[in-house]
PDB file of N, CA and C in Angstrom:
ATOM      1  N   MET A   1      35.152   6.439 -30.500  1.00  0.00           N
ATOM      2  CA  MET A   1      35.881   5.282 -30.049  1.00  0.00           C
ATOM      3  C   MET A   1      35.665   5.126 -28.546  1.00  0.00           C
ATOM      4  N   HIS A   2      35.740   3.913 -28.106  1.00  0.00           N
ATOM      5  CA  HIS A   2      35.577   3.661 -26.693  1.00  0.00           C
ATOM      6  C   HIS A   2      36.446   2.504 -26.240  1.00  0.00           C
ATOM      7  N   LEU A   3      36.844   2.571 -24.979  1.00  0.00           N
ATOM      8  CA  LEU A   3      37.663   1.521 -24.408  1.00  0.00           C
ATOM      9  C   LEU A   3      36.839   0.428 -23.761  1.00  0.00           C
ATOM     10  N   THR A   4      35.659   0.771 -23.300  1.00  0.00           N
ATOM     11  CA  THR A   4      34.836  -0.198 -22.585  1.00  0.00           C
ATOM     12  C   THR A   4      34.013  -1.020 -23.556  1.00  0.00           C
ATOM     13  N   MET A   5      33.696  -2.236 -23.136  1.00  0.00           N
ATOM     14  CA  MET A   5      32.891  -3.112 -23.975  1.00  0.00           C
ATOM     15  C   MET A   5      31.437  -2.644 -23.914  1.00  0.00           C
ATOM     16  N   GLY A   6      30.681  -2.906 -24.941  1.00  0.00           N
ATOM     17  CA  GLY A   6      29.275  -2.566 -24.928  1.00  0.00           C
ATOM     18  C   GLY A   6      28.844  -1.867 -26.194  1.00  0.00           C
ATOM     19  N   LYS A   7      27.591  -1.515 -26.211  1.00  0.00           N
ATOM     20  CA  LYS A   7      26.984  -0.859 -27.379  1.00  0.00           C
ATOM     21  C   LYS A   7      26.695   0.602 -27.073  1.00  0.00           C
ATOM     22  N   VAL A   8      26.538   1.373 -28.116  1.00  0.00           N
ATOM     23  CA  VAL A   8      26.185   2.777 -28.005  1.00  0.00           C
ATOM     24  C   VAL A   8      24.764   2.898 -27.457  1.00  0.00           C
ATOM     25  N   ASP A   9      24.546   3.864 -26.582  1.00  0.00           N
ATOM     26  CA  ASP A   9      23.192   4.167 -26.100  1.00  0.00           C
ATOM     27  C   ASP A   9      22.472   4.895 -27.231  1.00  0.00           C
ATOM     28  N   GLU A  10      21.505   4.250 -27.844  1.00  0.00           N
ATOM     29  CA  GLU A  10      20.831   4.800 -29.019  1.00  0.00           C
ATOM     30  C   GLU A  10      20.133   6.126 -28.736  1.00  0.00           C
ATOM     31  N   LEU A  11      19.622   6.313 -27.523  1.00  0.00           N
ATOM     32  CA  LEU A  11      18.961   7.586 -27.185  1.00  0.00           C
ATOM     33  C   LEU A  11      19.956   8.738 -27.194  1.00  0.00           C
ATOM     34  N   ILE A  12      21.161   8.503 -26.682  1.00  0.00           N
ATOM     35  CA  ILE A  12      22.194   9.524 -26.712  1.00  0.00           C
ATOM     36  C   ILE A  12      22.686   9.735 -28.134  1.00  0.00           C
ATOM     37  N   ALA A  13      22.901   8.653 -28.859  1.00  0.00           N
ATOM     38  CA  ALA A  13      23.387   8.755 -30.249  1.00  0.00           C
ATOM     39  C   ALA A  13      22.417   9.554 -31.117  1.00  0.00           C
ATOM     40  N   ALA A  14      21.127   9.409 -30.880  1.00  0.00           N
ATOM     41  CA  ALA A  14      20.127  10.116 -31.683  1.00  0.00           C
ATOM     42  C   ALA A  14      20.215  11.621 -31.496  1.00  0.00           C
ATOM     43  N   LYS A  15      20.748  12.067 -30.360  1.00  0.00           N
ATOM     44  CA  LYS A  15      20.840  13.516 -30.065  1.00  0.00           C
ATOM     45  C   LYS A  15      22.082  14.156 -30.688  1.00  0.00           C
ATOM     46  N   LYS A  16      23.017  13.350 -31.190  1.00  0.00           N
ATOM     47  CA  LYS A  16      24.259  13.890 -31.739  1.00  0.00           C
ATOM     48  C   LYS A  16      23.981  14.651 -33.021  1.00  0.00           C
ATOM     49  N   LYS A  17      24.588  15.832 -33.123  1.00  0.00           N
ATOM     50  CA  LYS A  17      24.413  16.656 -34.314  1.00  0.00           C
ATOM     51  C   LYS A  17      25.380  16.274 -35.415  1.00  0.00           C
ATOM     52  N   ALA A  18      26.571  15.823 -35.032  1.00  0.00           N
ATOM     53  CA  ALA A  18      27.560  15.394 -36.016  1.00  0.00           C
ATOM     54  C   ALA A  18      27.502  13.887 -36.174  1.00  0.00           C
ATOM     55  N   ASP A  19      27.949  13.423 -37.299  1.00  0.00           N
ATOM     56  CA  ASP A  19      27.987  11.979 -37.547  1.00  0.00           C
ATOM     57  C   ASP A  19      29.096  11.357 -36.698  1.00  0.00           C
ATOM     58  N   PHE A  20      29.006  10.089 -36.400  1.00  0.00           N
ATOM     59  CA  PHE A  20      30.059   9.414 -35.659  1.00  0.00           C
ATOM     60  C   PHE A  20      30.120   7.961 -36.091  1.00  0.00           C
ATOM     61  N   GLU A  21      31.252   7.368 -35.819  1.00  0.00           N
ATOM     62  CA  GLU A  21      31.458   5.950 -36.098  1.00  0.00           C
ATOM     63  C   GLU A  21      31.858   5.296 -34.784  1.00  0.00           C
ATOM     64  N   ASP A  22      31.190   4.243 -34.412  1.00  0.00           N
ATOM     65  CA  ASP A  22      31.457   3.541 -33.161  1.00  0.00           C
ATOM     66  C   ASP A  22      32.548   2.503 -33.376  1.00  0.00           C
ATOM     67  N   LYS A  23      33.672   2.652 -32.666  1.00  0.00           N
ATOM     68  CA  LYS A  23      34.770   1.700 -32.813  1.00  0.00           C
ATOM     69  C   LYS A  23      35.273   1.310 -31.432  1.00  0.00           C
ATOM     70  N   GLN A  24      35.494   0.040 -31.255  1.00  0.00           N
ATOM     71  CA  GLN A  24      36.115  -0.467 -30.026  1.00  0.00           C
ATOM     72  C   GLN A  24      37.623  -0.332 -30.191  1.00  0.00           C
ATOM     73  N   ILE A  25      38.292   0.275 -29.212  1.00  0.00           N
ATOM     74  CA  ILE A  25      39.748   0.357 -29.244  1.00  0.00           C
ATOM     75  C   ILE A  25      40.305  -0.281 -27.978  1.00  0.00           C
ATOM     76  N   TRP A  26      41.544  -0.650 -28.024  1.00  0.00           N
ATOM     77  CA  TRP A  26      42.201  -1.240 -26.875  1.00  0.00           C
ATOM     78  C   TRP A  26      43.214  -0.274 -26.328  1.00  0.00           C
ATOM     79  N   GLY A  27      43.192  -0.010 -25.045  1.00  0.00           N
ATOM     80  CA  GLY A  27      44.059   0.990 -24.419  1.00  0.00           C
ATOM     81  C   GLY A  27      45.315   0.405 -23.814  1.00  0.00           C
ATOM     82  N   TRP A  28      45.993  -0.458 -24.520  1.00  0.00           N
ATOM     83  CA  TRP A  28      47.160  -1.142 -23.989  1.00  0.00           C
ATOM     84  C   TRP A  28      48.423  -0.706 -24.728  1.00  0.00           C
ATOM     85  N   SER A  29      48.818   0.543 -24.584  1.00  0.00           N
ATOM     86  CA  SER A  29      49.981   1.031 -25.332  1.00  0.00           C
ATOM     87  C   SER A  29      51.264   0.339 -24.873  1.00  0.00           C
ATOM     88  N   HIS A  30      51.277  -0.223 -23.673  1.00  0.00           N
ATOM     89  CA  HIS A  30      52.476  -0.892 -23.176  1.00  0.00           C
ATOM     90  C   HIS A  30      52.750  -2.239 -23.859  1.00  0.00           C
ATOM     91  N   LEU A  31      51.752  -2.779 -24.555  1.00  0.00           N
ATOM     92  CA  LEU A  31      51.967  -4.057 -25.255  1.00  0.00           C
ATOM     93  C   LEU A  31      52.867  -3.887 -26.479  1.00  0.00           C
ATOM     94  N   ASP A  32      52.901  -2.681 -27.020  1.00  0.00           N
ATOM     95  CA  ASP A  32      53.776  -2.371 -28.151  1.00  0.00           C
ATOM     96  C   ASP A  32      54.595  -1.149 -27.744  1.00  0.00           C
ATOM     97  N   PRO A  33      55.752  -1.347 -27.092  1.00  0.00           N
ATOM     98  CA  PRO A  33      56.513  -0.228 -26.530  1.00  0.00           C
ATOM     99  C   PRO A  33      56.841   0.886 -27.519  1.00  0.00           C
ATOM    100  N   GLU A  34      57.179   0.546 -28.744  1.00  0.00           N
ATOM    101  CA  GLU A  34      57.502   1.590 -29.728  1.00  0.00           C
ATOM    102  C   GLU A  34      56.273   2.446 -30.031  1.00  0.00           C
ATOM    103  N   PHE A  35      55.136   1.771 -30.233  1.00  0.00           N
ATOM    104  CA  PHE A  35      53.895   2.516 -30.460  1.00  0.00           C
ATOM    105  C   PHE A  35      53.550   3.346 -29.240  1.00  0.00           C
ATOM    106  N   GLY A  36      53.690   2.748 -28.047  1.00  0.00           N
ATOM    107  CA  GLY A  36      53.377   3.461 -26.806  1.00  0.00           C
ATOM    108  C   GLY A  36      54.185   4.742 -26.663  1.00  0.00           C
ATOM    109  N   LYS A  37      55.475   4.680 -26.952  1.00  0.00           N
ATOM    110  CA  LYS A  37      56.328   5.882 -26.876  1.00  0.00           C
ATOM    111  C   LYS A  37      55.826   6.966 -27.825  1.00  0.00           C
ATOM    112  N   LEU A  38      55.528   6.562 -29.062  1.00  0.00           N
ATOM    113  CA  LEU A  38      55.030   7.513 -30.059  1.00  0.00           C
ATOM    114  C   LEU A  38      53.678   8.085 -29.626  1.00  0.00           C
ATOM    115  N   PHE A  39      52.792   7.184 -29.196  1.00  0.00           N
ATOM    116  CA  PHE A  39      51.449   7.635 -28.817  1.00  0.00           C
ATOM    117  C   PHE A  39      51.501   8.667 -27.698  1.00  0.00           C
ATOM    118  N   TRP A  40      52.242   8.358 -26.603  1.00  0.00           N
ATOM    119  CA  TRP A  40      52.254   9.259 -25.461  1.00  0.00           C
ATOM    120  C   TRP A  40      53.034  10.535 -25.741  1.00  0.00           C
ATOM    121  N   LYS A  41      53.902  10.517 -26.741  1.00  0.00           N
ATOM    122  CA  LYS A  41      54.555  11.753 -27.172  1.00  0.00           C
ATOM    123  C   LYS A  41      53.585  12.641 -27.939  1.00  0.00           C
ATOM    124  N   GLU A  42      52.771  12.030 -28.788  1.00  0.00           N
ATOM    125  CA  GLU A  42      51.861  12.778 -29.654  1.00  0.00           C
ATOM    126  C   GLU A  42      50.523  13.105 -29.008  1.00  0.00           C
ATOM    127  N   PHE A  43      50.104  12.335 -28.030  1.00  0.00           N
ATOM    128  CA  PHE A  43      48.783  12.500 -27.414  1.00  0.00           C
ATOM    129  C   PHE A  43      48.504  13.934 -26.936  1.00  0.00           C
ATOM    130  N   PRO A  44      49.426  14.575 -26.188  1.00  0.00           N
ATOM    131  CA  PRO A  44      49.133  15.954 -25.763  1.00  0.00           C
ATOM    132  C   PRO A  44      48.910  16.915 -26.930  1.00  0.00           C
ATOM    133  N   LYS A  45      49.630  16.700 -28.024  1.00  0.00           N
ATOM    134  CA  LYS A  45      49.435  17.558 -29.194  1.00  0.00           C
ATOM    135  C   LYS A  45      48.039  17.368 -29.792  1.00  0.00           C
ATOM    136  N   LEU A  46      47.574  16.104 -29.836  1.00  0.00           N
ATOM    137  CA  LEU A  46      46.236  15.840 -30.365  1.00  0.00           C
ATOM    138  C   LEU A  46      45.148  16.464 -29.497  1.00  0.00           C
ATOM    139  N   VAL A  47      45.370  16.487 -28.192  1.00  0.00           N
ATOM    140  CA  VAL A  47      44.416  17.146 -27.279  1.00  0.00           C
ATOM    141  C   VAL A  47      44.467  18.656 -27.504  1.00  0.00           C
ATOM    142  N   ASP A  48      45.675  19.217 -27.568  1.00  0.00           N
ATOM    143  CA  ASP A  48      45.834  20.668 -27.746  1.00  0.00           C
ATOM    144  C   ASP A  48      45.169  21.169 -29.024  1.00  0.00           C
ATOM    145  N   CYS A  49      45.290  20.413 -30.108  1.00  0.00           N
ATOM    146  CA  CYS A  49      44.689  20.856 -31.370  1.00  0.00           C
ATOM    147  C   CYS A  49      43.246  20.378 -31.523  1.00  0.00           C
ATOM    148  N   ARG A  50      42.697  19.774 -30.469  1.00  0.00           N
ATOM    149  CA  ARG A  50      41.289  19.374 -30.376  1.00  0.00           C
ATOM    150  C   ARG A  50      40.901  18.253 -31.339  1.00  0.00           C
ATOM    151  N   LYS A  51      41.892  17.469 -31.806  1.00  0.00           N
ATOM    152  CA  LYS A  51      41.544  16.276 -32.591  1.00  0.00           C
ATOM    153  C   LYS A  51      41.028  15.184 -31.667  1.00  0.00           C
ATOM    154  N   ILE A  52      41.489  15.208 -30.424  1.00  0.00           N
ATOM    155  CA  ILE A  52      40.952  14.336 -29.371  1.00  0.00           C
ATOM    156  C   ILE A  52      40.370  15.260 -28.314  1.00  0.00           C
ATOM    157  N   LYS A  53      39.127  15.021 -27.942  1.00  0.00           N
ATOM    158  CA  LYS A  53      38.450  15.871 -26.974  1.00  0.00           C
ATOM    159  C   LYS A  53      38.124  15.056 -25.723  1.00  0.00           C
ATOM    160  N   PRO A  54      38.893  15.268 -24.657  1.00  0.00           N
ATOM    161  CA  PRO A  54      38.616  14.525 -23.422  1.00  0.00           C
ATOM    162  C   PRO A  54      37.221  14.843 -22.888  1.00  0.00           C
ATOM    163  N   LEU A  55      36.634  13.895 -22.200  1.00  0.00           N
ATOM    164  CA  LEU A  55      35.333  14.109 -21.579  1.00  0.00           C
ATOM    165  C   LEU A  55      35.488  15.112 -20.442  1.00  0.00           C
ATOM    166  N   LYS A  56      34.437  15.885 -20.207  1.00  0.00           N
ATOM    167  CA  LYS A  56      34.454  16.822 -19.090  1.00  0.00           C
ATOM    168  C   LYS A  56      34.458  16.013 -17.795  1.00  0.00           C
ATOM    169  N   HIS A  57      35.208  16.515 -16.818  1.00  0.00           N
ATOM    170  CA  HIS A  57      35.318  15.798 -15.560  1.00  0.00           C
ATOM    171  C   HIS A  57      35.659  16.767 -14.437  1.00  0.00           C
ATOM    172  N   SER A  58      35.493  16.313 -13.229  1.00  0.00           N
ATOM    173  CA  SER A  58      35.911  17.045 -12.043  1.00  0.00           C
ATOM    174  C   SER A  58      37.015  16.262 -11.375  1.00  0.00           C
ATOM    175  N   VAL A  59      37.854  16.978 -10.631  1.00  0.00           N
ATOM    176  CA  VAL A  59      39.013  16.330 -10.008  1.00  0.00           C
ATOM    177  C   VAL A  59      38.883  16.369  -8.494  1.00  0.00           C
ATOM    178  N   ILE A  60      39.178  15.250  -7.877  1.00  0.00           N
ATOM    179  CA  ILE A  60      39.290  15.174  -6.425  1.00  0.00           C
ATOM    180  C   ILE A  60      40.778  15.162  -6.117  1.00  0.00           C
ATOM    181  N   GLU A  61      41.239  16.141  -5.361  1.00  0.00           N
ATOM    182  CA  GLU A  61      42.652  16.208  -4.985  1.00  0.00           C
ATOM    183  C   GLU A  61      42.863  15.323  -3.762  1.00  0.00           C
ATOM    184  N   GLY A  62      43.667  14.302  -3.899  1.00  0.00           N
ATOM    185  CA  GLY A  62      43.970  13.406  -2.783  1.00  0.00           C
ATOM    186  C   GLY A  62      42.911  12.333  -2.613  1.00  0.00           C
ATOM    187  N   LEU A  63      43.301  11.314  -1.903  1.00  0.00           N
ATOM    188  CA  LEU A  63      42.424  10.154  -1.737  1.00  0.00           C
ATOM    189  C   LEU A  63      41.709  10.244  -0.396  1.00  0.00           C
ATOM    190  N   GLY A  64      40.827  11.251  -0.261  1.00  0.00           N
ATOM    191  CA  GLY A  64      40.047  11.411   0.963  1.00  0.00           C
ATOM    192  C   GLY A  64      38.757  10.629   0.869  1.00  0.00           C
ATOM    193  N   ALA A  65      38.488   9.785   1.873  1.00  0.00           N
ATOM    194  CA  ALA A  65      37.308   8.925   1.837  1.00  0.00           C
ATOM    195  C   ALA A  65      36.023   9.730   1.698  1.00  0.00           C
ATOM    196  N   GLU A  66      35.904  10.840   2.415  1.00  0.00           N
ATOM    197  CA  GLU A  66      34.669  11.632   2.340  1.00  0.00           C
ATOM    198  C   GLU A  66      34.449  12.189   0.939  1.00  0.00           C
ATOM    199  N   LYS A  67      35.519  12.716   0.323  1.00  0.00           N
ATOM    200  CA  LYS A  67      35.393  13.277  -1.023  1.00  0.00           C
ATOM    201  C   LYS A  67      35.039  12.195  -2.045  1.00  0.00           C
ATOM    202  N   VAL A  68      35.703  11.051  -1.951  1.00  0.00           N
ATOM    203  CA  VAL A  68      35.453   9.974  -2.904  1.00  0.00           C
ATOM    204  C   VAL A  68      34.043   9.414  -2.715  1.00  0.00           C
ATOM    205  N   ASN A  69      33.625   9.231  -1.471  1.00  0.00           N
ATOM    206  CA  ASN A  69      32.264   8.731  -1.221  1.00  0.00           C
ATOM    207  C   ASN A  69      31.222   9.722  -1.722  1.00  0.00           C
ATOM    208  N   ALA A  70      31.478  11.024  -1.561  1.00  0.00           N
ATOM    209  CA  ALA A  70      30.543  12.035  -2.074  1.00  0.00           C
ATOM    210  C   ALA A  70      30.451  11.948  -3.600  1.00  0.00           C
ATOM    211  N   ALA A  71      31.595  11.679  -4.256  1.00  0.00           N
ATOM    212  CA  ALA A  71      31.595  11.527  -5.719  1.00  0.00           C
ATOM    213  C   ALA A  71      30.775  10.304  -6.119  1.00  0.00           C
ATOM    214  N   PHE A  72      30.952   9.198  -5.377  1.00  0.00           N
ATOM    215  CA  PHE A  72      30.147   8.010  -5.666  1.00  0.00           C
ATOM    216  C   PHE A  72      28.661   8.301  -5.481  1.00  0.00           C
ATOM    217  N   ASP A  73      28.303   9.081  -4.466  1.00  0.00           N
ATOM    218  CA  ASP A  73      26.904   9.445  -4.250  1.00  0.00           C
ATOM    219  C   ASP A  73      26.355  10.220  -5.448  1.00  0.00           C
ATOM    220  N   GLU A  74      27.148  11.153  -5.980  1.00  0.00           N
ATOM    221  CA  GLU A  74      26.713  11.909  -7.170  1.00  0.00           C
ATOM    222  C   GLU A  74      26.555  10.991  -8.363  1.00  0.00           C
ATOM    223  N   MET A  75      27.483  10.062  -8.513  1.00  0.00           N
ATOM    224  CA  MET A  75      27.376   9.130  -9.648  1.00  0.00           C
ATOM    225  C   MET A  75      26.131   8.265  -9.517  1.00  0.00           C
ATOM    226  N   ARG A  76      25.843   7.809  -8.301  1.00  0.00           N
ATOM    227  CA  ARG A  76      24.664   6.977  -8.082  1.00  0.00           C
ATOM    228  C   ARG A  76      23.382   7.776  -8.363  1.00  0.00           C
ATOM    229  N   ALA A  77      23.419   9.083  -8.086  1.00  0.00           N
ATOM    230  CA  ALA A  77      22.264   9.943  -8.318  1.00  0.00           C
ATOM    231  C   ALA A  77      22.151  10.343  -9.791  1.00  0.00           C
ATOM    232  N   LEU A  78      23.074   9.835 -10.615  1.00  0.00           N
ATOM    233  CA  LEU A  78      23.068  10.084 -12.071  1.00  0.00           C
ATOM    234  C   LEU A  78      23.108  11.569 -12.397  1.00  0.00           C
ATOM    235  N   LYS A  79      24.006  12.303 -11.731  1.00  0.00           N
ATOM    236  CA  LYS A  79      24.138  13.734 -11.986  1.00  0.00           C
ATOM    237  C   LYS A  79      25.022  14.031 -13.187  1.00  0.00           C
ATOM    238  N   GLY A  80      25.591  13.003 -13.782  1.00  0.00           N
ATOM    239  CA  GLY A  80      26.367  13.196 -15.007  1.00  0.00           C
ATOM    240  C   GLY A  80      27.766  13.713 -14.808  1.00  0.00           C
ATOM    241  N   VAL A  81      28.269  13.695 -13.585  1.00  0.00           N
ATOM    242  CA  VAL A  81      29.623  14.173 -13.327  1.00  0.00           C
ATOM    243  C   VAL A  81      30.598  13.003 -13.390  1.00  0.00           C
ATOM    244  N   ARG A  82      31.687  13.191 -14.106  1.00  0.00           N
ATOM    245  CA  ARG A  82      32.758  12.185 -14.151  1.00  0.00           C
ATOM    246  C   ARG A  82      33.871  12.674 -13.226  1.00  0.00           C
ATOM    247  N   TRP A  83      34.433  11.776 -12.468  1.00  0.00           N
ATOM    248  CA  TRP A  83      35.429  12.135 -11.471  1.00  0.00           C
ATOM    249  C   TRP A  83      36.763  11.464 -11.746  1.00  0.00           C
ATOM    250  N   HIS A  84      37.833  12.191 -11.456  1.00  0.00           N
ATOM    251  CA  HIS A  84      39.198  11.660 -11.462  1.00  0.00           C
ATOM    252  C   HIS A  84      39.806  11.987 -10.112  1.00  0.00           C
ATOM    253  N   VAL A  85      40.496  11.036  -9.524  1.00  0.00           N
ATOM    254  CA  VAL A  85      41.163  11.255  -8.251  1.00  0.00           C
ATOM    255  C   VAL A  85      42.656  11.475  -8.561  1.00  0.00           C
ATOM    256  N   ARG A  86      43.160  12.627  -8.158  1.00  0.00           N
ATOM    257  CA  ARG A  86      44.570  12.935  -8.361  1.00  0.00           C
ATOM    258  C   ARG A  86      45.298  12.667  -7.060  1.00  0.00           C
ATOM    259  N   LEU A  87      46.213  11.729  -7.072  1.00  0.00           N
ATOM    260  CA  LEU A  87      46.960  11.362  -5.860  1.00  0.00           C
ATOM    261  C   LEU A  87      48.215  12.184  -5.726  1.00  0.00           C
TER     262      LEU A  87
END
């Protein structure tokens, strides 16, 4: 499943060992408050039992311009690192 619009990269898909189904999902849990409450209550459990596997990422602590710009440089160089900024 993916939140972003677009198609699967066929070269990457061809390398997958397990079967997969490509589905577009919408990440707007706040549009249905009851569903949102249930989802965010259950989400950590789904991660813990590995039914949902978050992508690997690195964390930048704080919003430092040098750190964020360095992360953008790595992304531009296609090093495959995903970044999250923790404020």
